[in-house]
Amino acid sequence: MKKLSILLIICLTCFVLRGKAETMTTLLTPRQESIASIAALTAAGNQEKLKTALNRGLDAGLTVNDEKEILLQMYAYTGFPKSLSAINTLTDVLSERQKRGLSDTIGEEPHTLPAGTDRYAYGKSVVEKLFGPEKGVAGYAVTVPATDTFLKEHLFADIFGRNVLSIQDRELATVSALAAIGNVRPMLKAHMTGAMNTGLTADQIGAVLTIVQNELGTPGDKARSVLDSFIAPEKIQNPVADIDTVFAQGEVNPYGRFFTGTTYLTRLSEYDDVWHASMANVTFEPGARTNWHTHTGGQILLVLDGSGYYQEKGRPARRLNKGDVVRIPVNTEHWHGAAPDSWFTHVSLETNGATNKVDWLEPVTDEEYDQAVKGE
């Protein structure tokens, strides 16, 4: 009986260890964990914790040039000030480790693309490898065409074309940094796609978000909801807006039949005989917009966050950003909604409430919306 018990314990131990090993294959290596930590803390600008992460990374097998390359890439996603501050922190870390007698592996030296490389074509091939074939021209490239050139020739050619880090390493670092930054939902979703196209699994990306959470106390629901959209899209009924909605995001707009795309409504104040006005917070997912419509009593929009557009019939569209105010005259045919690459939220104040009625008209066509975005 005793021998049987010992044998059972051994078998159970082997089973547990085997299960643990199989589970670990879907998670991150110590090297990958360090890349995620370093990227997140660089994005957050937390130099004290970054110093610990840089030391931990070198101890986990990152080379000196690996860490230099992570911090170099971060300037494209976090800006030069945070990247340079992180590089200065690495300089201090390496000096301190040398004084302690630690000899760190320098690693492979970085190289640039060969002379004569068509950098735009190279960058375009990297973009398509990560995100798939391009579908039309992105909204940012319409507004500022030079951004398309900078992204392809510099970010995805000059930077991604350096050796040292693999393209998977770079996407892992990028996802971590964007999750730490927050309020960049479209970019985070794109780079989660890119990360998975390099072979990372949804579970591994989830592990990256856990690292960011542990290091910074973020990203919370917003980044998790982006990941959920890949894992179980059928369960996403009310995704968290990647903007500061100020007021509650609310439920899916019950007047959705008068909108293109998904919007959310929170009623803030009902009309009464004292104030003669009603207010609601309306949140638009990227690309969502109202139909053409009029108000018999006029309307005022107070833009809380994100980017969007307002257009009156027969007039050029107006780009809207946080802090803008729009006064809409009585019986003026118009529409308003989000930019194609941004969530958008505003308070709608319906004035002259006793007589103010909405007359919903035809949807804004894709052609009309594209012309508004292009400024035509």
Protein backbone atom coordinates (compact mmCIF):
# COMPACT_ATOMS: atom_id res chain seq x y z
CA MET A 1 0.00 0.00 0.00
CA LYS A 2 2.85 2.35 0.88
CA LYS A 3 4.61 1.60 -2.43
CA LEU A 4 1.35 2.27 -4.29
CA SER A 5 0.97 5.66 -2.56
CA ILE A 6 4.53 6.66 -3.43
CA LEU A 7 4.00 5.62 -7.04
CA LEU A 8 0.75 7.61 -7.17
CA ILE A 9 2.48 10.71 -5.83
CA ILE A 10 5.27 10.36 -8.39
CA CYS A 11 2.75 10.01 -11.22
CA LEU A 12 0.75 12.99 -10.05
CA THR A 13 3.94 15.08 -9.75
CA CYS A 14 4.96 14.17 -13.29
CA PHE A 15 1.50 15.04 -14.55
CA VAL A 16 1.56 18.44 -12.83
CA LEU A 17 5.06 19.22 -14.08
CA ARG A 18 4.14 18.16 -17.58
CA GLY A 19 1.04 20.34 -17.49
CA LYS A 20 3.09 23.25 -16.20
CA ALA A 21 5.65 22.81 -18.96
CA GLU A 22 2.94 22.70 -21.62
CA THR A 23 1.36 25.83 -20.16
CA MET A 24 4.66 27.66 -20.13
CA THR A 25 5.10 27.10 -23.87
CA THR A 26 2.20 29.47 -24.46
CA LEU A 27 3.63 32.19 -22.22
CA LEU A 28 6.81 34.26 -22.32
CA THR A 29 10.47 33.45 -21.87
CA PRO A 30 12.41 35.48 -19.27
CA ARG A 31 13.96 37.37 -22.20
CA GLN A 32 10.53 38.28 -23.61
CA GLU A 33 9.28 39.29 -20.17
CA SER A 34 12.21 41.67 -19.86
CA ILE A 35 11.54 43.21 -23.27
CA ALA A 36 7.93 43.83 -22.24
CA SER A 37 8.91 45.38 -18.89
CA ILE A 38 11.57 47.65 -20.40
CA ALA A 39 9.21 48.88 -23.13
CA ALA A 40 6.34 49.57 -20.70
CA LEU A 41 8.49 51.42 -18.20
CA THR A 42 10.11 53.48 -20.94
CA ALA A 43 6.64 54.48 -22.16
CA ALA A 44 5.65 55.39 -18.60
CA GLY A 45 8.85 57.35 -17.98
CA ASN A 46 9.43 55.52 -14.68
CA GLN A 47 13.22 55.62 -14.49
CA GLU A 48 13.53 54.04 -11.05
CA LYS A 49 11.64 50.90 -12.01
CA LEU A 50 13.23 50.93 -15.47
CA LYS A 51 16.66 50.65 -13.85
CA THR A 52 15.53 47.49 -12.09
CA ALA A 53 14.07 46.11 -15.32
CA LEU A 54 17.26 46.82 -17.28
CA ASN A 55 19.33 45.00 -14.67
CA ARG A 56 16.89 42.11 -14.64
CA GLY A 57 16.97 41.95 -18.43
CA LEU A 58 20.74 41.68 -18.57
CA ASP A 59 20.62 38.96 -15.93
CA ALA A 60 17.92 37.15 -17.98
CA GLY A 61 20.05 36.97 -21.11
CA LEU A 62 19.45 40.24 -22.95
CA THR A 63 22.67 41.60 -24.42
CA VAL A 64 23.72 45.20 -24.04
CA ASN A 65 22.87 45.81 -27.70
CA ASP A 66 19.46 44.16 -27.23
CA GLU A 67 18.59 46.73 -24.58
CA LYS A 68 20.02 49.59 -26.61
CA GLU A 69 17.87 48.53 -29.55
CA ILE A 70 14.68 48.32 -27.46
CA LEU A 71 15.22 51.86 -26.21
CA LEU A 72 16.10 53.12 -29.69
CA GLN A 73 12.85 51.69 -31.11
CA MET A 74 10.85 53.23 -28.30
CA TYR A 75 11.44 56.76 -29.57
CA ALA A 76 9.15 55.97 -32.51
CA TYR A 77 6.32 55.04 -30.14
CA THR A 78 6.98 57.04 -26.98
CA GLY A 79 8.85 60.08 -28.35
CA PHE A 80 12.48 61.16 -28.08
CA PRO A 81 12.28 62.63 -24.53
CA LYS A 82 11.27 59.31 -22.96
CA SER A 83 13.60 57.30 -25.18
CA LEU A 84 16.61 59.50 -24.41
CA SER A 85 15.83 59.47 -20.68
CA ALA A 86 15.71 55.67 -20.80
CA ILE A 87 19.03 55.53 -22.69
CA ASN A 88 20.58 57.72 -20.00
CA THR A 89 19.24 55.29 -17.38
CA LEU A 90 20.82 52.39 -19.29
CA THR A 91 24.13 54.29 -19.33
CA ASP A 92 23.97 54.54 -15.53
CA VAL A 93 23.04 50.86 -15.20
CA LEU A 94 25.98 49.70 -17.35
CA SER A 95 28.39 51.94 -15.42
CA GLU A 96 27.17 50.61 -12.07
CA ARG A 97 27.38 46.98 -13.24
CA GLN A 98 30.92 47.51 -14.49
CA LYS A 99 31.95 48.93 -11.11
CA ARG A 100 30.48 45.83 -9.49
CA GLY A 101 32.68 43.67 -11.68
CA LEU A 102 29.86 42.35 -13.89
CA SER A 103 30.80 41.55 -17.47
CA ASP A 104 27.74 41.78 -19.72
CA THR A 105 27.58 40.33 -23.21
CA ILE A 106 27.68 43.11 -25.78
CA GLY A 107 25.95 41.05 -28.44
CA GLU A 108 25.51 41.43 -32.16
CA GLU A 109 26.35 44.83 -33.59
CA PRO A 110 23.47 46.58 -35.37
CA HIS A 111 23.63 47.30 -39.07
CA THR A 112 21.57 49.44 -41.40
CA LEU A 113 19.93 48.45 -44.67
CA PRO A 114 22.35 48.05 -47.60
CA ALA A 115 23.02 51.14 -49.69
CA GLY A 116 20.60 51.44 -52.57
CA THR A 117 17.74 49.68 -50.78
CA ASP A 118 14.32 50.96 -51.83
CA ARG A 119 13.35 51.89 -48.29
CA TYR A 120 9.71 52.66 -49.11
CA ALA A 121 9.25 49.27 -50.77
CA TYR A 122 11.06 47.55 -47.89
CA GLY A 123 8.90 49.28 -45.30
CA LYS A 124 5.74 48.50 -47.27
CA SER A 125 6.66 44.81 -47.29
CA VAL A 126 7.12 44.86 -43.50
CA VAL A 127 3.75 46.62 -43.06
CA GLU A 128 2.03 43.99 -45.18
CA LYS A 129 3.77 41.16 -43.33
CA LEU A 130 2.53 42.53 -40.02
CA PHE A 131 -0.90 43.89 -40.89
CA GLY A 132 -1.83 42.37 -44.25
CA PRO A 133 -2.39 44.12 -47.60
CA GLU A 134 -3.20 47.81 -47.31
CA LYS A 135 -6.81 48.73 -48.04
CA GLY A 136 -6.89 52.21 -49.48
CA VAL A 137 -5.19 55.22 -47.94
CA ALA A 138 -5.21 55.61 -44.15
CA GLY A 139 -6.92 58.69 -42.71
CA TYR A 140 -3.68 60.08 -41.27
CA ALA A 141 -2.00 59.77 -44.69
CA VAL A 142 -4.86 61.69 -46.30
CA THR A 143 -4.54 64.54 -43.82
CA VAL A 144 -0.72 64.58 -43.72
CA PRO A 145 0.66 62.56 -46.67
CA ALA A 146 4.25 62.75 -45.40
CA THR A 147 3.35 60.44 -42.49
CA ASP A 148 2.96 57.52 -44.88
CA THR A 149 6.49 58.08 -46.19
CA PHE A 150 7.97 58.53 -42.71
CA LEU A 151 6.30 55.39 -41.40
CA LYS A 152 7.39 53.17 -44.27
CA GLU A 153 10.86 54.56 -44.95
CA HIS A 154 11.92 55.30 -41.40
CA LEU A 155 9.95 53.25 -38.87
CA PHE A 156 9.37 50.06 -40.84
CA ALA A 157 12.59 50.25 -42.90
CA ASP A 158 15.33 52.13 -41.02
CA ILE A 159 14.28 50.85 -37.58
CA PHE A 160 12.58 47.51 -38.20
CA GLY A 161 15.28 46.75 -40.78
CA ARG A 162 18.04 46.73 -38.17
CA ASN A 163 19.13 43.26 -37.07
CA VAL A 164 19.75 42.69 -33.31
CA LEU A 165 16.04 42.35 -32.39
CA SER A 166 13.72 40.13 -34.41
CA ILE A 167 10.53 41.56 -35.87
CA GLN A 168 8.66 39.54 -33.22
CA ASP A 169 10.74 41.14 -30.45
CA ARG A 170 9.92 44.57 -31.87
CA GLU A 171 6.18 43.89 -32.01
CA LEU A 172 6.21 42.51 -28.46
CA ALA A 173 7.93 45.69 -27.26
CA THR A 174 5.52 47.86 -29.24
CA VAL A 175 2.40 46.18 -27.83
CA SER A 176 3.74 46.61 -24.31
CA ALA A 177 4.57 50.28 -24.86
CA LEU A 178 1.19 51.09 -26.44
CA ALA A 179 -0.65 49.29 -23.63
CA ALA A 180 1.31 51.38 -21.13
CA ILE A 181 0.53 54.62 -22.98
CA GLY A 182 -3.21 53.91 -23.21
CA ASN A 183 -5.77 55.85 -25.27
CA VAL A 184 -4.34 54.49 -28.54
CA ARG A 185 -6.82 51.69 -29.14
CA PRO A 186 -6.60 51.57 -32.99
CA MET A 187 -2.79 51.38 -32.91
CA LEU A 188 -2.79 48.81 -30.10
CA LYS A 189 -5.23 46.62 -32.00
CA ALA A 190 -3.13 46.89 -35.17
CA HIS A 191 0.07 45.91 -33.36
CA MET A 192 -1.62 43.04 -31.53
CA THR A 193 -2.51 41.81 -35.02
CA GLY A 194 1.10 42.34 -36.09
CA ALA A 195 2.42 40.51 -33.03
CA MET A 196 0.21 37.50 -33.72
CA ASN A 197 1.28 37.54 -37.38
CA THR A 198 4.87 37.10 -36.16
CA GLY A 199 3.87 33.98 -34.24
CA LEU A 200 2.99 35.31 -30.80
CA THR A 201 -0.20 33.83 -29.37
CA ALA A 202 -3.14 35.62 -27.77
CA ASP A 203 -2.10 34.03 -24.45
CA GLN A 204 1.39 35.50 -24.82
CA ILE A 205 -0.06 38.94 -25.55
CA GLY A 206 -2.23 38.51 -22.48
CA ALA A 207 0.94 37.80 -20.52
CA VAL A 208 2.43 41.05 -21.85
CA LEU A 209 -0.62 42.96 -20.58
CA THR A 210 -0.22 41.26 -17.19
CA ILE A 211 3.38 42.50 -17.05
CA VAL A 212 2.25 46.03 -17.86
CA GLN A 213 -0.45 45.73 -15.19
CA ASN A 214 2.06 44.52 -12.61
CA GLU A 215 4.61 47.22 -13.43
CA LEU A 216 2.28 50.19 -13.78
CA GLY A 217 -1.18 49.29 -12.53
CA THR A 218 -2.45 49.63 -16.11
CA PRO A 219 -3.69 48.94 -18.84
CA GLY A 220 -6.87 47.60 -17.27
CA ASP A 221 -10.10 47.13 -19.23
CA LYS A 222 -9.15 49.08 -22.34
CA ALA A 223 -6.22 46.94 -23.46
CA ARG A 224 -7.93 43.75 -22.30
CA SER A 225 -11.01 44.59 -24.37
CA VAL A 226 -8.79 44.96 -27.44
CA LEU A 227 -7.34 41.50 -26.83
CA ASP A 228 -10.81 40.09 -26.17
CA SER A 229 -11.85 41.25 -29.63
CA PHE A 230 -9.42 38.65 -31.03
CA ILE A 231 -10.14 35.87 -28.53
CA ALA A 232 -13.93 36.01 -28.28
CA PRO A 233 -15.37 38.77 -30.50
CA GLU A 234 -18.88 37.35 -30.09
CA LYS A 235 -18.75 38.25 -26.40
CA ILE A 236 -17.88 41.90 -26.96
CA GLN A 237 -21.17 43.72 -26.61
CA ASN A 238 -19.94 47.07 -25.33
CA PRO A 239 -16.20 47.61 -25.96
CA VAL A 240 -14.46 50.18 -23.79
CA ALA A 241 -13.80 53.44 -25.62
CA ASP A 242 -10.15 54.33 -26.04
CA ILE A 243 -10.77 57.91 -24.94
CA ASP A 244 -11.63 59.74 -21.75
CA THR A 245 -15.41 59.70 -21.95
CA VAL A 246 -15.70 61.85 -18.75
CA PHE A 247 -19.28 60.65 -18.32
CA ALA A 248 -20.27 57.00 -18.44
CA GLN A 249 -19.96 55.49 -21.91
CA GLY A 250 -23.47 54.12 -21.64
CA GLU A 251 -25.18 51.40 -23.61
CA VAL A 252 -25.41 50.93 -27.35
CA ASN A 253 -27.41 53.84 -28.73
CA PRO A 254 -31.12 52.93 -28.93
CA TYR A 255 -31.38 55.30 -31.91
CA GLY A 256 -28.73 53.31 -33.78
CA ARG A 257 -30.95 53.00 -36.86
CA PHE A 258 -30.23 56.68 -37.50
CA PHE A 259 -26.45 56.17 -37.31
CA THR A 260 -23.74 54.45 -39.37
CA GLY A 261 -21.46 52.34 -37.17
CA THR A 262 -21.71 51.78 -33.43
CA THR A 263 -22.42 54.56 -30.95
CA TYR A 264 -23.24 54.70 -27.23
CA LEU A 265 -25.60 56.99 -25.34
CA THR A 266 -25.75 58.23 -21.76
CA ARG A 267 -28.66 60.50 -20.92
CA LEU A 268 -27.36 63.27 -18.61
CA SER A 269 -30.40 65.49 -18.16
CA GLU A 270 -33.97 65.19 -19.39
CA TYR A 271 -36.00 68.12 -20.65
CA ASP A 272 -38.19 69.84 -18.08
CA ASP A 273 -40.23 73.04 -17.86
CA VAL A 274 -37.56 74.78 -15.77
CA TRP A 275 -34.43 74.33 -17.88
CA HIS A 276 -36.02 73.79 -21.29
CA ALA A 277 -33.07 71.70 -22.49
CA SER A 278 -31.87 68.12 -22.48
CA MET A 279 -28.31 66.76 -22.50
CA ALA A 280 -26.74 63.44 -23.47
CA ASN A 281 -23.22 62.08 -23.81
CA VAL A 282 -22.71 60.35 -27.17
CA THR A 283 -19.65 58.17 -27.86
CA PHE A 284 -18.76 57.10 -31.42
CA GLU A 285 -16.54 54.21 -32.41
CA PRO A 286 -14.02 55.07 -35.18
CA GLY A 287 -15.84 55.88 -38.43
CA ALA A 288 -19.30 56.01 -36.81
CA ARG A 289 -21.51 58.99 -37.62
CA THR A 290 -25.08 60.27 -37.54
CA ASN A 291 -27.42 60.42 -40.51
CA TRP A 292 -28.10 63.81 -41.98
CA HIS A 293 -30.65 65.46 -39.71
CA THR A 294 -32.10 68.74 -38.44
CA HIS A 295 -33.25 70.13 -35.08
CA THR A 296 -36.24 72.43 -34.97
CA GLY A 297 -34.82 74.06 -31.85
CA GLY A 298 -31.10 73.93 -32.66
CA GLN A 299 -28.28 72.03 -30.93
CA ILE A 300 -24.92 72.64 -29.23
CA LEU A 301 -22.09 70.08 -29.23
CA LEU A 302 -19.33 70.11 -26.58
CA VAL A 303 -16.44 67.90 -27.70
CA LEU A 304 -14.94 65.97 -24.76
CA ASP A 305 -12.31 63.81 -26.42
CA GLY A 306 -11.17 62.14 -29.61
CA SER A 307 -11.38 63.48 -33.15
CA GLY A 308 -14.37 63.78 -35.43
CA TYR A 309 -16.18 65.89 -38.02
CA TYR A 310 -19.17 68.21 -38.27
CA GLN A 311 -20.69 69.20 -41.60
CA GLU A 312 -23.63 71.29 -42.73
CA LYS A 313 -25.24 70.50 -46.06
CA GLY A 314 -23.46 72.29 -48.90
CA ARG A 315 -20.51 73.38 -46.73
CA PRO A 316 -17.03 71.92 -46.10
CA ALA A 317 -16.70 69.60 -43.10
CA ARG A 318 -15.10 70.91 -39.92
CA ARG A 319 -12.55 68.78 -38.06
CA LEU A 320 -13.41 68.54 -34.35
CA ASN A 321 -11.08 67.92 -31.43
CA LYS A 322 -11.25 67.99 -27.65
CA GLY A 323 -12.52 71.35 -26.40
CA ASP A 324 -14.33 72.40 -29.58
CA VAL A 325 -17.85 73.81 -29.39
CA VAL A 326 -20.34 73.66 -32.26
CA ARG A 327 -23.50 75.80 -32.35
CA ILE A 328 -25.96 74.30 -34.82
CA PRO A 329 -28.67 76.67 -36.08
CA VAL A 330 -32.36 75.80 -36.13
CA ASN A 331 -33.49 73.55 -39.02
CA THR A 332 -29.95 73.24 -40.44
CA GLU A 333 -29.26 69.92 -42.18
CA HIS A 334 -26.03 68.45 -40.79
CA TRP A 335 -24.19 65.36 -39.51
CA HIS A 336 -21.42 64.70 -37.00
CA GLY A 337 -19.30 61.70 -36.07
CA ALA A 338 -15.90 60.16 -35.45
CA ALA A 339 -12.76 60.27 -37.57
CA PRO A 340 -11.92 56.92 -39.22
CA ASP A 341 -9.00 56.32 -36.85
CA SER A 342 -10.31 57.73 -33.58
CA TRP A 343 -13.05 57.27 -31.02
CA PHE A 344 -15.03 60.45 -30.46
CA THR A 345 -17.27 61.68 -27.67
CA HIS A 346 -19.35 64.82 -27.20
CA VAL A 347 -22.16 66.19 -25.09
CA SER A 348 -25.25 67.00 -27.14
CA LEU A 349 -27.27 69.90 -25.73
CA GLU A 350 -30.68 70.24 -27.36
CA THR A 351 -31.88 73.78 -26.83
CA ASN A 352 -35.41 75.21 -26.92
CA GLY A 353 -36.58 71.85 -25.71
CA ALA A 354 -40.31 72.55 -25.68
CA THR A 355 -40.41 72.67 -29.47
CA ASN A 356 -37.16 70.93 -30.43
CA LYS A 357 -37.74 67.90 -32.63
CA VAL A 358 -35.21 65.87 -34.60
CA ASP A 359 -35.95 65.13 -38.24
CA TRP A 360 -33.78 62.17 -39.25
CA LEU A 361 -32.85 62.05 -42.93
CA GLU A 362 -30.76 59.79 -45.18
CA PRO A 363 -27.44 58.23 -44.08
CA VAL A 364 -24.14 59.97 -44.83
CA THR A 365 -22.72 57.95 -47.72
CA ASP A 366 -19.19 56.54 -47.67
CA GLU A 367 -18.32 58.94 -50.48
CA GLU A 368 -19.60 61.96 -48.53
CA TYR A 369 -17.73 60.77 -45.42
CA ASP A 370 -14.47 60.19 -47.34
CA GLN A 371 -14.71 63.66 -48.88
CA ALA A 372 -15.16 65.16 -45.40
CA VAL A 373 -12.09 63.33 -44.13
CA LYS A 374 -10.03 64.47 -47.15
CA GLY A 375 -11.20 68.06 -46.66
CA GLU A 376 -12.90 68.23 -50.05
